[in-house]
């Protein structure tokens, strides 16, 4: 192959490898509990509005779903080889939800909203890596 032809082939090869890596990452989580993920998605989307409305009981229920789901996610990814980043993200999420409970106990809704937003960003980190749309 001439040098000019190789320079065109390399970018295509890199793209093919990246696409294949994305497919592998997605297929590695094909057995994830999609109903749980849907519940988590609903809870995280519901959390900030109910906090804004001052509905602490509903916020606590959403936070419980998130806490329990993140525990399951940590366990799920702990059993997967090479998923240390997902395990850490799940642990980080559990800490954020723990702080959310603390803010709810103190009735500090502003801090609870901040914790809810941080929790949502943390969830997005994992979705960005593993390719699941929220």
Protein backbone atom coordinates (compact mmCIF):
# COMPACT_ATOMS: atom_id res chain seq x y z
CA UNK A 1 0.00 0.00 0.00
CA UNK A 2 1.24 3.45 -0.75
CA UNK A 3 1.67 5.90 2.12
CA UNK A 4 -1.23 8.03 0.93
CA UNK A 5 -3.60 5.03 0.93
CA UNK A 6 -2.50 4.03 4.45
CA UNK A 7 -3.22 7.50 5.79
CA UNK A 8 -6.81 7.11 4.60
CA UNK A 9 -7.20 3.59 5.93
CA UNK A 10 -6.00 4.32 9.48
CA UNK A 11 -8.89 6.64 10.45
CA UNK A 12 -11.40 4.11 9.15
CA UNK A 13 -9.74 1.33 11.11
CA UNK A 14 -9.78 3.42 14.28
CA UNK A 15 -13.49 4.18 13.82
CA UNK A 16 -14.23 0.50 13.27
CA UNK A 17 -12.38 -0.42 16.46
CA UNK A 18 -14.21 2.22 18.47
CA UNK A 19 -17.58 1.09 17.16
CA UNK A 20 -16.71 -2.51 17.95
CA UNK A 21 -15.61 -1.51 21.47
CA UNK A 22 -18.97 0.23 22.00
CA UNK A 23 -20.81 -2.88 20.84
CA UNK A 24 -18.78 -5.04 23.22
CA UNK A 25 -19.45 -2.68 26.14
CA UNK A 26 -23.16 -2.67 25.40
CA UNK A 27 -23.39 -6.43 24.90
CA UNK A 28 -21.54 -6.99 28.17
CA UNK A 29 -24.54 -5.56 29.99
CA UNK A 30 -27.23 -7.24 27.94
CA UNK A 31 -28.36 -9.08 31.07
CA UNK A 32 -28.86 -5.92 33.13
CA UNK A 33 -32.27 -5.53 34.76
CA UNK A 34 -33.94 -3.07 32.39
CA UNK A 35 -36.99 -2.73 34.63
CA UNK A 36 -34.74 -1.64 37.48
CA UNK A 37 -33.03 0.86 35.20
CA UNK A 38 -36.44 2.23 34.15
CA UNK A 39 -37.43 2.57 37.81
CA UNK A 40 -34.18 4.41 38.53
CA UNK A 41 -34.77 6.69 35.56
CA UNK A 42 -38.28 7.51 36.77
CA UNK A 43 -37.04 8.15 40.32
CA UNK A 44 -34.21 10.46 39.26
CA UNK A 45 -36.50 12.43 36.93
CA UNK A 46 -39.16 12.73 39.65
CA UNK A 47 -36.79 13.71 42.44
CA UNK A 48 -36.03 17.34 41.69
CA UNK A 49 -39.66 18.33 40.95
CA UNK A 50 -40.96 16.77 44.19
CA UNK A 51 -38.15 18.44 46.13
CA UNK A 52 -39.04 21.74 44.50
CA UNK A 53 -42.63 21.21 45.61
CA UNK A 54 -41.44 20.45 49.15
CA UNK A 55 -42.78 16.89 49.09
CA UNK A 56 -40.24 15.25 51.39
CA UNK A 57 -42.12 11.93 51.58
CA UNK A 58 -42.10 11.46 47.80
CA UNK A 59 -38.47 12.56 47.64
CA UNK A 60 -37.57 10.00 50.29
CA UNK A 61 -39.40 7.27 48.31
CA UNK A 62 -37.47 8.22 45.15
CA UNK A 63 -34.21 8.25 47.11
CA UNK A 64 -34.95 4.76 48.47
CA UNK A 65 -35.41 3.46 44.93
CA UNK A 66 -32.11 5.05 43.93
CA UNK A 67 -30.27 3.71 46.99
CA UNK A 68 -31.54 0.16 46.49
CA UNK A 69 -30.93 0.27 42.74
CA UNK A 70 -27.38 1.54 43.14
CA UNK A 71 -26.68 -1.28 45.60
CA UNK A 72 -27.89 -3.76 42.98
CA UNK A 73 -25.81 -2.05 40.28
CA UNK A 74 -22.70 -2.22 42.45
CA UNK A 75 -23.26 -5.94 42.96
CA UNK A 76 -23.99 -6.49 39.27
CA UNK A 77 -20.83 -4.75 38.07
CA UNK A 78 -18.70 -6.29 40.82
CA UNK A 79 -19.31 -9.62 39.11
CA UNK A 80 -18.15 -8.26 35.73
CA UNK A 81 -14.49 -8.33 34.78
CA UNK A 82 -13.06 -4.94 33.95
CA UNK A 83 -15.99 -2.92 35.31
CA UNK A 84 -14.19 -1.29 38.22
CA UNK A 85 -15.24 2.15 37.00
CA UNK A 86 -18.93 1.17 37.10
CA UNK A 87 -18.52 -0.25 40.61
CA UNK A 88 -16.96 3.02 41.74
CA UNK A 89 -19.68 5.08 40.07
CA UNK A 90 -22.33 2.99 41.88
CA UNK A 91 -20.53 3.56 45.19
CA UNK A 92 -20.24 7.28 44.49
CA UNK A 93 -23.97 7.33 43.74
CA UNK A 94 -24.75 5.60 47.01
CA UNK A 95 -22.76 8.24 48.88
CA UNK A 96 -24.63 11.00 47.07
CA UNK A 97 -27.98 9.41 47.88
CA UNK A 98 -26.82 9.04 51.49
CA UNK A 99 -26.18 12.78 51.61
CA UNK A 100 -29.60 13.32 50.06
CA UNK A 101 -31.19 11.43 52.97
CA UNK A 102 -29.20 13.56 55.41
CA UNK A 103 -30.45 16.75 53.76
CA UNK A 104 -34.02 15.44 53.82
CA UNK A 105 -33.68 14.63 57.53
CA UNK A 106 -32.56 18.23 58.15
CA UNK A 107 -35.30 19.51 55.82
CA UNK A 108 -32.65 21.36 53.81
CA UNK A 109 -34.38 21.18 50.45
CA UNK A 110 -31.84 23.38 48.66
CA UNK A 111 -29.00 21.03 49.60
CA UNK A 112 -31.23 18.03 48.77
CA UNK A 113 -31.83 19.43 45.27
CA UNK A 114 -28.07 19.87 44.84
CA UNK A 115 -27.54 16.25 45.92
CA UNK A 116 -30.26 15.10 43.50
CA UNK A 117 -28.57 16.93 40.63
CA UNK A 118 -25.19 15.46 41.57
CA UNK A 119 -26.77 12.00 41.70
CA UNK A 120 -28.22 12.46 38.21
CA UNK A 121 -24.80 13.55 36.87
CA UNK A 122 -23.24 10.51 38.50
CA UNK A 123 -25.77 8.22 36.80
CA UNK A 124 -25.00 9.88 33.48
CA UNK A 125 -21.28 9.07 33.93
CA UNK A 126 -22.09 5.36 33.84
CA UNK A 127 -24.52 5.71 30.95
CA UNK A 128 -21.88 7.59 28.98
CA UNK A 129 -19.47 4.69 29.43
CA UNK A 130 -21.87 1.81 28.90
CA UNK A 131 -24.01 3.34 26.19
CA UNK A 132 -27.43 3.04 27.77
CA UNK A 133 -29.69 5.97 27.00
CA UNK A 134 -31.48 7.60 29.88
